[in-house]
Amino acid sequence: LPLTLTLTLTLALRELFELVVPVGVGVHHAGLAMQEREHMEAAFRCGTIRVLCCTRTLAAGVNLPARRVIFRSLKGWPEQLGGASKWDALLRVNDYRQMAGRAGRAGLADYGESILVVAGARQRAAATTLLASATEPMRSCLSRDSEGGYLTRTLSLSLSLILTLTLT
């Protein structure tokens, strides 16, 4: 492992990384510190890591194109239920498309593959429905409420704070 990587990792992560990184496997999840994620991403980009085991957090905001994306399950995804998360919901079409979109990025690869592992006829039918589904409409969470939206309130509060700090 590169010296900078070994110095920044916690002992448990260092032990895991010392086992898997030399054989080209890495991990990526929200529990990693920013520097640890950056090391994993850099190692994946340069080819030191050829397999990156990750949670859905990798699909949002990180440009790490891959040749192949494998979903190990159709179930086990978060669903908001009255403010609490339930972790056995089925994968939604928008989430699937976002994560599968890591494979075969235009201008970076000739093709990409997405593999969805399912067990049994019921999951196979659910996967078929998922793959044939249209993308769900997207709505900004910045304008969800009727009082002018979160963005308006955030800007208003920020301006109030700036004025308060300026006047004191």
N, C-alpha and C. Protein backbone atom coordinates (compact mmCIF):
# COMPACT_ATOMS: atom_id res chain seq x y z
N LEU A 1 0.84 -1.19 0.00
CA LEU A 1 0.00 0.00 0.00
C LEU A 1 0.87 1.25 0.00
N PRO A 2 0.40 2.30 -0.66
CA PRO A 2 1.15 3.55 -0.61
C PRO A 2 1.24 4.05 0.83
N LEU A 3 2.34 4.66 1.18
CA LEU A 3 2.57 5.13 2.54
C LEU A 3 1.46 6.07 3.00
N THR A 4 1.03 7.00 2.13
CA THR A 4 -0.01 7.96 2.53
C THR A 4 -1.32 7.25 2.87
N LEU A 5 -1.62 6.16 2.16
CA LEU A 5 -2.84 5.43 2.44
C LEU A 5 -2.76 4.74 3.80
N THR A 6 -1.64 4.10 4.09
CA THR A 6 -1.53 3.35 5.34
C THR A 6 -1.49 4.27 6.55
N LEU A 7 -1.02 5.48 6.40
CA LEU A 7 -0.94 6.38 7.54
C LEU A 7 -2.29 6.98 7.91
N THR A 8 -3.23 7.06 6.98
CA THR A 8 -4.47 7.74 7.26
C THR A 8 -5.60 6.80 7.67
N LEU A 9 -5.44 5.53 7.55
CA LEU A 9 -6.52 4.60 7.82
C LEU A 9 -6.58 4.20 9.29
N THR A 10 -7.78 3.93 9.75
CA THR A 10 -7.93 3.37 11.09
C THR A 10 -7.35 1.96 11.06
N LEU A 11 -7.05 1.42 12.21
CA LEU A 11 -6.44 0.09 12.29
C LEU A 11 -7.29 -0.97 11.61
N ALA A 12 -8.60 -0.99 11.87
CA ALA A 12 -9.48 -2.01 11.28
C ALA A 12 -9.52 -1.87 9.77
N LEU A 13 -9.64 -0.64 9.28
CA LEU A 13 -9.66 -0.44 7.83
C LEU A 13 -8.30 -0.77 7.22
N ARG A 14 -7.23 -0.42 7.91
CA ARG A 14 -5.90 -0.72 7.39
C ARG A 14 -5.74 -2.22 7.21
N GLU A 15 -6.18 -3.01 8.21
CA GLU A 15 -6.08 -4.47 8.10
C GLU A 15 -6.88 -5.00 6.91
N LEU A 16 -8.10 -4.46 6.74
CA LEU A 16 -8.92 -4.87 5.61
C LEU A 16 -8.25 -4.48 4.29
N PHE A 17 -7.82 -3.23 4.20
CA PHE A 17 -7.21 -2.76 2.96
C PHE A 17 -5.92 -3.51 2.64
N GLU A 18 -5.15 -3.86 3.66
CA GLU A 18 -3.91 -4.61 3.42
C GLU A 18 -4.19 -5.99 2.83
N LEU A 19 -5.37 -6.53 3.13
CA LEU A 19 -5.76 -7.83 2.56
C LEU A 19 -6.28 -7.70 1.13
N VAL A 20 -7.11 -6.69 0.87
CA VAL A 20 -7.82 -6.66 -0.40
C VAL A 20 -7.19 -5.79 -1.48
N VAL A 21 -6.57 -4.68 -1.13
CA VAL A 21 -6.01 -3.78 -2.14
C VAL A 21 -4.89 -4.44 -2.96
N PRO A 22 -3.97 -5.20 -2.35
CA PRO A 22 -2.93 -5.83 -3.16
C PRO A 22 -3.45 -6.78 -4.25
N VAL A 23 -4.66 -7.29 -4.07
CA VAL A 23 -5.24 -8.16 -5.11
C VAL A 23 -6.23 -7.39 -5.98
N GLY A 24 -6.24 -6.06 -5.86
CA GLY A 24 -7.03 -5.23 -6.75
C GLY A 24 -8.47 -4.98 -6.35
N VAL A 25 -8.79 -5.11 -5.06
CA VAL A 25 -10.15 -4.91 -4.58
C VAL A 25 -10.17 -3.75 -3.59
N GLY A 26 -11.18 -2.89 -3.71
CA GLY A 26 -11.32 -1.78 -2.78
C GLY A 26 -12.74 -1.67 -2.28
N VAL A 27 -12.95 -0.81 -1.30
CA VAL A 27 -14.28 -0.57 -0.75
C VAL A 27 -14.57 0.93 -0.77
N HIS A 28 -15.84 1.27 -0.89
CA HIS A 28 -16.23 2.67 -0.93
C HIS A 28 -17.61 2.78 -0.30
N HIS A 29 -17.72 3.55 0.78
CA HIS A 29 -19.01 3.73 1.44
C HIS A 29 -18.99 5.02 2.25
N ALA A 30 -20.14 5.43 2.72
CA ALA A 30 -20.27 6.70 3.44
C ALA A 30 -19.52 6.71 4.76
N GLY A 31 -19.18 5.56 5.30
CA GLY A 31 -18.47 5.49 6.57
C GLY A 31 -16.98 5.80 6.47
N LEU A 32 -16.45 5.85 5.27
CA LEU A 32 -15.04 6.19 5.10
C LEU A 32 -14.84 7.68 5.29
N ALA A 33 -13.69 8.04 5.81
CA ALA A 33 -13.34 9.46 5.90
C ALA A 33 -13.10 9.97 4.48
N MET A 34 -13.21 11.27 4.29
CA MET A 34 -13.05 11.86 2.95
C MET A 34 -11.72 11.45 2.33
N GLN A 35 -10.64 11.49 3.09
CA GLN A 35 -9.33 11.14 2.57
C GLN A 35 -9.27 9.66 2.17
N GLU A 36 -9.92 8.81 2.93
CA GLU A 36 -9.96 7.37 2.60
C GLU A 36 -10.72 7.14 1.30
N ARG A 37 -11.85 7.85 1.14
CA ARG A 37 -12.61 7.73 -0.12
C ARG A 37 -11.78 8.23 -1.29
N GLU A 38 -11.09 9.34 -1.10
CA GLU A 38 -10.25 9.90 -2.17
C GLU A 38 -9.16 8.91 -2.59
N HIS A 39 -8.56 8.23 -1.61
CA HIS A 39 -7.54 7.23 -1.92
C HIS A 39 -8.14 6.07 -2.71
N MET A 40 -9.31 5.60 -2.29
CA MET A 40 -9.97 4.50 -3.01
C MET A 40 -10.29 4.91 -4.44
N GLU A 41 -10.82 6.11 -4.60
CA GLU A 41 -11.18 6.60 -5.93
C GLU A 41 -9.95 6.75 -6.82
N ALA A 42 -8.87 7.30 -6.27
CA ALA A 42 -7.64 7.46 -7.04
C ALA A 42 -7.06 6.11 -7.44
N ALA A 43 -7.08 5.16 -6.52
CA ALA A 43 -6.56 3.81 -6.82
C ALA A 43 -7.42 3.13 -7.89
N PHE A 44 -8.72 3.36 -7.88
CA PHE A 44 -9.60 2.79 -8.90
C PHE A 44 -9.34 3.44 -10.26
N ARG A 45 -9.20 4.76 -10.26
CA ARG A 45 -8.95 5.49 -11.52
C ARG A 45 -7.65 5.04 -12.19
N CYS A 46 -6.61 4.81 -11.39
CA CYS A 46 -5.32 4.46 -11.99
C CYS A 46 -5.17 2.96 -12.24
N GLY A 47 -6.14 2.15 -11.82
CA GLY A 47 -6.12 0.73 -12.11
C GLY A 47 -5.51 -0.15 -11.04
N THR A 48 -5.04 0.44 -9.92
CA THR A 48 -4.52 -0.37 -8.81
C THR A 48 -5.64 -1.23 -8.25
N ILE A 49 -6.81 -0.62 -8.12
CA ILE A 49 -8.01 -1.34 -7.71
C ILE A 49 -8.84 -1.58 -8.96
N ARG A 50 -9.16 -2.84 -9.21
CA ARG A 50 -9.94 -3.21 -10.40
C ARG A 50 -11.39 -3.55 -10.05
N VAL A 51 -11.64 -3.87 -8.78
CA VAL A 51 -12.98 -4.17 -8.30
C VAL A 51 -13.24 -3.26 -7.10
N LEU A 52 -14.33 -2.51 -7.17
CA LEU A 52 -14.67 -1.60 -6.09
C LEU A 52 -16.03 -2.00 -5.52
N CYS A 53 -16.03 -2.52 -4.30
CA CYS A 53 -17.27 -2.91 -3.62
C CYS A 53 -17.80 -1.67 -2.93
N CYS A 54 -19.03 -1.29 -3.26
CA CYS A 54 -19.51 -0.02 -2.75
C CYS A 54 -20.99 -0.04 -2.43
N THR A 55 -21.40 0.99 -1.71
CA THR A 55 -22.81 1.20 -1.43
C THR A 55 -23.34 2.16 -2.49
N ARG A 56 -24.59 2.47 -2.39
CA ARG A 56 -25.21 3.36 -3.38
C ARG A 56 -24.66 4.77 -3.33
N THR A 57 -23.91 5.13 -2.30
CA THR A 57 -23.36 6.48 -2.21
C THR A 57 -22.42 6.78 -3.37
N LEU A 58 -21.80 5.76 -3.94
CA LEU A 58 -20.88 5.97 -5.05
C LEU A 58 -21.59 6.50 -6.28
N ALA A 59 -22.86 6.20 -6.43
CA ALA A 59 -23.60 6.61 -7.62
C ALA A 59 -23.90 8.10 -7.64
N ALA A 60 -23.85 8.75 -6.51
CA ALA A 60 -24.23 10.15 -6.43
C ALA A 60 -23.01 11.05 -6.37
N GLY A 61 -22.78 11.79 -7.42
CA GLY A 61 -21.79 12.85 -7.39
C GLY A 61 -20.34 12.44 -7.58
N VAL A 62 -20.05 11.19 -7.84
CA VAL A 62 -18.68 10.77 -8.05
C VAL A 62 -18.54 10.26 -9.47
N ASN A 63 -17.58 10.78 -10.20
CA ASN A 63 -17.38 10.36 -11.58
C ASN A 63 -16.34 9.26 -11.64
N LEU A 64 -16.77 8.05 -11.34
CA LEU A 64 -15.89 6.88 -11.42
C LEU A 64 -16.49 5.88 -12.40
N PRO A 65 -16.22 6.05 -13.67
CA PRO A 65 -16.78 5.12 -14.64
C PRO A 65 -16.18 3.73 -14.50
N ALA A 66 -16.98 2.72 -14.77
CA ALA A 66 -16.55 1.34 -14.66
C ALA A 66 -17.00 0.58 -15.91
N ARG A 67 -16.40 -0.55 -16.16
CA ARG A 67 -16.82 -1.40 -17.27
C ARG A 67 -18.09 -2.16 -16.91
N ARG A 68 -18.18 -2.55 -15.62
CA ARG A 68 -19.28 -3.42 -15.20
C ARG A 68 -19.77 -3.00 -13.82
N VAL A 69 -21.08 -2.95 -13.66
CA VAL A 69 -21.71 -2.67 -12.37
C VAL A 69 -22.55 -3.89 -12.01
N ILE A 70 -22.33 -4.44 -10.83
CA ILE A 70 -23.06 -5.64 -10.40
C ILE A 70 -23.88 -5.30 -9.17
N PHE A 71 -25.17 -5.55 -9.27
CA PHE A 71 -26.08 -5.38 -8.14
C PHE A 71 -26.27 -6.76 -7.53
N ARG A 72 -25.88 -6.92 -6.28
CA ARG A 72 -25.94 -8.24 -5.65
C ARG A 72 -27.34 -8.62 -5.20
N SER A 73 -28.25 -7.66 -5.21
CA SER A 73 -29.61 -7.96 -4.76
C SER A 73 -30.58 -6.93 -5.31
N LEU A 74 -31.78 -7.36 -5.49
CA LEU A 74 -32.86 -6.47 -5.90
C LEU A 74 -33.49 -5.82 -4.67
N LYS A 75 -33.28 -6.42 -3.50
CA LYS A 75 -33.83 -5.92 -2.24
C LYS A 75 -32.72 -5.36 -1.36
N GLY A 76 -33.15 -4.66 -0.31
CA GLY A 76 -32.18 -4.13 0.65
C GLY A 76 -31.88 -2.68 0.43
N TRP A 77 -32.79 -1.95 -0.17
CA TRP A 77 -32.59 -0.54 -0.46
C TRP A 77 -33.43 0.28 0.50
N PRO A 78 -32.99 1.49 0.80
CA PRO A 78 -33.72 2.30 1.78
C PRO A 78 -35.03 2.85 1.23
N GLU A 79 -36.00 2.94 2.10
CA GLU A 79 -37.29 3.53 1.75
C GLU A 79 -37.75 4.33 2.95
N GLN A 80 -38.13 5.56 2.73
CA GLN A 80 -38.60 6.41 3.82
C GLN A 80 -40.05 6.06 4.16
N LEU A 81 -40.28 5.75 5.41
CA LEU A 81 -41.62 5.45 5.89
C LEU A 81 -41.90 6.28 7.13
N GLY A 82 -42.60 7.37 6.96
CA GLY A 82 -42.94 8.22 8.11
C GLY A 82 -41.72 8.72 8.86
N GLY A 83 -40.67 9.08 8.14
CA GLY A 83 -39.47 9.61 8.76
C GLY A 83 -38.43 8.58 9.13
N ALA A 84 -38.80 7.30 9.11
CA ALA A 84 -37.85 6.23 9.43
C ALA A 84 -37.46 5.49 8.15
N SER A 85 -36.25 4.99 8.09
CA SER A 85 -35.81 4.24 6.92
C SER A 85 -36.09 2.76 7.10
N LYS A 86 -36.53 2.15 6.05
CA LYS A 86 -36.76 0.71 6.01
C LYS A 86 -35.77 0.17 4.96
N TRP A 87 -34.98 -0.81 5.32
CA TRP A 87 -33.90 -1.25 4.44
C TRP A 87 -34.19 -2.54 3.68
N ASP A 88 -35.44 -2.85 3.44
CA ASP A 88 -35.70 -4.04 2.64
C ASP A 88 -36.61 -3.75 1.46
N ALA A 89 -36.64 -2.50 1.04
CA ALA A 89 -37.44 -2.12 -0.12
C ALA A 89 -36.76 -2.60 -1.41
N LEU A 90 -37.55 -2.69 -2.46
CA LEU A 90 -36.99 -3.05 -3.76
C LEU A 90 -36.26 -1.86 -4.37
N LEU A 91 -35.28 -2.15 -5.17
CA LEU A 91 -34.52 -1.13 -5.90
C LEU A 91 -35.47 -0.36 -6.82
N ARG A 92 -35.39 0.96 -6.79
CA ARG A 92 -36.24 1.80 -7.64
C ARG A 92 -35.55 2.06 -8.97
N VAL A 93 -36.35 2.32 -9.99
CA VAL A 93 -35.82 2.48 -11.34
C VAL A 93 -34.82 3.63 -11.44
N ASN A 94 -35.09 4.77 -10.80
CA ASN A 94 -34.15 5.89 -10.88
C ASN A 94 -32.82 5.55 -10.22
N ASP A 95 -32.89 4.86 -9.07
CA ASP A 95 -31.66 4.46 -8.39
C ASP A 95 -30.88 3.46 -9.25
N TYR A 96 -31.58 2.51 -9.83
CA TYR A 96 -30.92 1.53 -10.69
C TYR A 96 -30.23 2.23 -11.86
N ARG A 97 -30.93 3.11 -12.53
CA ARG A 97 -30.35 3.79 -13.71
C ARG A 97 -29.16 4.66 -13.33
N GLN A 98 -29.24 5.32 -12.18
CA GLN A 98 -28.13 6.17 -11.73
C GLN A 98 -26.89 5.31 -11.45
N MET A 99 -27.08 4.20 -10.74
CA MET A 99 -25.94 3.35 -10.40
C MET A 99 -25.42 2.58 -11.61
N ALA A 100 -26.33 2.07 -12.42
CA ALA A 100 -25.91 1.35 -13.63
C ALA A 100 -25.20 2.29 -14.60
N GLY A 101 -25.51 3.57 -14.48
CA GLY A 101 -24.89 4.57 -15.35
C GLY A 101 -23.39 4.72 -15.14
N ARG A 102 -22.84 4.12 -14.10
CA ARG A 102 -21.38 4.12 -13.90
C ARG A 102 -20.69 3.27 -14.97
N ALA A 103 -21.43 2.35 -15.56
CA ALA A 103 -20.84 1.42 -16.54
C ALA A 103 -20.87 2.00 -17.94
N GLY A 104 -19.71 1.97 -18.60
CA GLY A 104 -19.62 2.38 -19.99
C GLY A 104 -19.95 3.83 -20.25
N ARG A 105 -19.29 4.72 -19.55
CA ARG A 105 -19.56 6.15 -19.71
C ARG A 105 -19.17 6.64 -21.09
N ALA A 106 -20.05 7.42 -21.71
CA ALA A 106 -19.80 7.96 -23.04
C ALA A 106 -18.49 8.75 -23.06
N GLY A 107 -17.68 8.50 -24.07
CA GLY A 107 -16.40 9.18 -24.21
C GLY A 107 -15.28 8.55 -23.40
N LEU A 108 -15.60 7.62 -22.51
CA LEU A 108 -14.59 6.99 -21.67
C LEU A 108 -14.48 5.49 -21.91
N ALA A 109 -15.54 4.89 -22.45
CA ALA A 109 -15.53 3.44 -22.68
C ALA A 109 -16.39 3.12 -23.90
N ASP A 110 -16.06 2.03 -24.56
CA ASP A 110 -16.83 1.60 -25.72
C ASP A 110 -18.18 1.02 -25.33
N TYR A 111 -18.24 0.37 -24.18
CA TYR A 111 -19.49 -0.24 -23.71
C TYR A 111 -19.42 -0.43 -22.21
N GLY A 112 -20.55 -0.75 -21.64
CA GLY A 112 -20.63 -1.04 -20.21
C GLY A 112 -21.66 -2.12 -19.97
N GLU A 113 -21.54 -2.79 -18.85
CA GLU A 113 -22.45 -3.87 -18.50
C GLU A 113 -23.02 -3.63 -17.12
N SER A 114 -24.29 -3.95 -16.96
CA SER A 114 -24.95 -3.90 -15.67
C SER A 114 -25.53 -5.28 -15.41
N ILE A 115 -25.18 -5.85 -14.29
CA ILE A 115 -25.66 -7.19 -13.94
C ILE A 115 -26.47 -7.08 -12.66
N LEU A 116 -27.69 -7.60 -12.71
CA LEU A 116 -28.59 -7.58 -11.56
C LEU A 116 -28.82 -9.03 -11.14
N VAL A 117 -28.31 -9.40 -9.96
CA VAL A 117 -28.43 -10.77 -9.47
C VAL A 117 -29.79 -10.92 -8.77
N VAL A 118 -30.57 -11.90 -9.21
CA VAL A 118 -31.88 -12.15 -8.60
C VAL A 118 -32.01 -13.62 -8.22
N ALA A 119 -32.89 -13.90 -7.27
CA ALA A 119 -33.10 -15.27 -6.83
C ALA A 119 -34.58 -15.61 -6.97
N GLY A 120 -34.88 -16.58 -7.77
CA GLY A 120 -36.25 -17.06 -7.89
C GLY A 120 -37.10 -16.32 -8.90
N ALA A 121 -38.27 -16.90 -9.18
CA ALA A 121 -39.17 -16.37 -10.20
C ALA A 121 -39.75 -15.01 -9.82
N ARG A 122 -40.07 -14.81 -8.55
CA ARG A 122 -40.65 -13.53 -8.13
C ARG A 122 -39.68 -12.37 -8.33
N GLN A 123 -38.42 -12.58 -7.93
CA GLN A 123 -37.42 -11.52 -8.12
C GLN A 123 -37.11 -11.33 -9.60
N ARG A 124 -37.11 -12.41 -10.37
CA ARG A 124 -36.88 -12.30 -11.81
C ARG A 124 -37.98 -11.45 -12.45
N ALA A 125 -39.23 -11.67 -12.04
CA ALA A 125 -40.34 -10.88 -12.56
C ALA A 125 -40.21 -9.41 -12.13
N ALA A 126 -39.82 -9.19 -10.88
CA ALA A 126 -39.62 -7.81 -10.39
C ALA A 126 -38.49 -7.12 -11.15
N ALA A 127 -37.42 -7.86 -11.44
CA ALA A 127 -36.30 -7.30 -12.20
C ALA A 127 -36.73 -6.96 -13.62
N THR A 128 -37.51 -7.82 -14.23
CA THR A 128 -38.01 -7.56 -15.58
C THR A 128 -38.85 -6.29 -15.61
N THR A 129 -39.71 -6.13 -14.60
CA THR A 129 -40.52 -4.92 -14.49
C THR A 129 -39.64 -3.69 -14.29
N LEU A 130 -38.66 -3.82 -13.42
CA LEU A 130 -37.73 -2.71 -13.16
C LEU A 130 -37.03 -2.26 -14.43
N LEU A 131 -36.49 -3.21 -15.17
CA LEU A 131 -35.72 -2.88 -16.37
C LEU A 131 -36.59 -2.29 -17.48
N ALA A 132 -37.88 -2.63 -17.48
CA ALA A 132 -38.79 -2.11 -18.51
C ALA A 132 -39.46 -0.80 -18.09
N SER A 133 -39.27 -0.38 -16.85
CA SER A 133 -39.95 0.81 -16.33
C SER A 133 -39.36 2.09 -16.87
N ALA A 134 -40.24 3.08 -17.03
CA ALA A 134 -39.80 4.42 -17.40
C ALA A 134 -39.21 5.09 -16.16
N THR A 135 -38.33 6.02 -16.37
CA THR A 135 -37.75 6.77 -15.27
C THR A 135 -38.83 7.58 -14.57
N GLU A 136 -38.75 7.62 -13.24
CA GLU A 136 -39.72 8.38 -12.45
C GLU A 136 -39.45 9.87 -12.61
N PRO A 137 -40.48 10.71 -12.54
CA PRO A 137 -40.27 12.16 -12.66
C PRO A 137 -39.35 12.65 -11.54
N MET A 138 -38.51 13.60 -11.85
CA MET A 138 -37.60 14.17 -10.86
C MET A 138 -38.17 15.50 -10.38
N ARG A 139 -38.12 15.72 -9.06
CA ARG A 139 -38.55 16.97 -8.47
C ARG A 139 -37.48 17.47 -7.53
N SER A 140 -37.21 18.73 -7.58
CA SER A 140 -36.22 19.31 -6.69
C SER A 140 -36.76 19.38 -5.28
N CYS A 141 -35.95 18.98 -4.32
CA CYS A 141 -36.36 19.09 -2.91
C CYS A 141 -36.21 20.52 -2.43
N LEU A 142 -35.65 21.39 -3.25
CA LEU A 142 -35.48 22.78 -2.86
C LEU A 142 -36.78 23.57 -2.96
N SER A 143 -37.78 23.02 -3.66
CA SER A 143 -39.02 23.77 -3.82
C SER A 143 -40.24 22.92 -3.53
N ARG A 144 -40.14 22.05 -2.54
CA ARG A 144 -41.23 21.11 -2.25
C ARG A 144 -42.40 21.72 -1.50
N ASP A 145 -42.20 22.74 -0.72
CA ASP A 145 -43.34 23.19 0.09
C ASP A 145 -44.00 24.43 -0.53
N SER A 146 -45.14 24.79 -0.02
CA SER A 146 -45.94 25.87 -0.60
C SER A 146 -45.52 27.26 -0.11
N GLU A 147 -44.58 27.34 0.80
CA GLU A 147 -44.18 28.63 1.36
C GLU A 147 -42.99 29.23 0.64
N GLY A 148 -42.83 28.93 -0.63
CA GLY A 148 -41.73 29.51 -1.37
C GLY A 148 -40.54 28.58 -1.50
N GLY A 149 -40.58 27.45 -0.86
CA GLY A 149 -39.54 26.45 -1.04
C GLY A 149 -38.38 26.57 -0.07
N TYR A 150 -37.64 25.48 -0.01
CA TYR A 150 -36.47 25.42 0.86
C TYR A 150 -35.40 26.40 0.41
N LEU A 151 -35.22 26.55 -0.89
CA LEU A 151 -34.19 27.44 -1.40
C LEU A 151 -34.48 28.87 -0.97
N THR A 152 -35.72 29.31 -1.10
CA THR A 152 -36.10 30.66 -0.70
C THR A 152 -35.83 30.88 0.79
N ARG A 153 -36.24 29.91 1.62
CA ARG A 153 -36.01 30.04 3.05
C ARG A 153 -34.53 30.03 3.39
N THR A 154 -33.77 29.18 2.73
CA THR A 154 -32.33 29.11 2.99
C THR A 154 -31.66 30.42 2.63
N LEU A 155 -32.00 30.97 1.46
CA LEU A 155 -31.42 32.25 1.05
C LEU A 155 -31.82 33.37 2.01
N SER A 156 -33.07 33.35 2.44
CA SER A 156 -33.56 34.36 3.38
C SER A 156 -32.80 34.27 4.71
N LEU A 157 -32.64 33.06 5.24
CA LEU A 157 -31.90 32.88 6.49
C LEU A 157 -30.43 33.28 6.33
N SER A 158 -29.85 32.94 5.21
CA SER A 158 -28.44 33.30 4.96
C SER A 158 -28.28 34.80 4.91
N LEU A 159 -29.17 35.48 4.21
CA LEU A 159 -29.12 36.93 4.12
C LEU A 159 -29.30 37.56 5.50
N SER A 160 -30.23 37.03 6.29
CA SER A 160 -30.43 37.53 7.67
C SER A 160 -29.16 37.37 8.49
N LEU A 161 -28.50 36.22 8.37
CA LEU A 161 -27.28 35.97 9.11
C LEU A 161 -26.17 36.93 8.68
N ILE A 162 -26.05 37.14 7.38
CA ILE A 162 -25.02 38.06 6.87
C ILE A 162 -25.28 39.46 7.40
N LEU A 163 -26.54 39.91 7.36
CA LEU A 163 -26.89 41.25 7.86
C LEU A 163 -26.62 41.35 9.35
N THR A 164 -26.95 40.31 10.09
CA THR A 164 -26.72 40.32 11.54
C THR A 164 -25.22 40.42 11.83
N LEU A 165 -24.42 39.62 11.13
CA LEU A 165 -22.98 39.64 11.35
C LEU A 165 -22.37 40.97 10.93
N THR A 166 -22.90 41.54 9.87
CA THR A 166 -22.40 42.83 9.38
C THR A 166 -22.72 43.95 10.36
N LEU A 167 -23.89 43.91 10.97
CA LEU A 167 -24.32 44.97 11.88
C LEU A 167 -23.68 44.87 13.25
N THR A 168 -23.13 43.71 13.61
CA THR A 168 -22.53 43.58 14.95
C THR A 168 -21.05 43.79 14.94
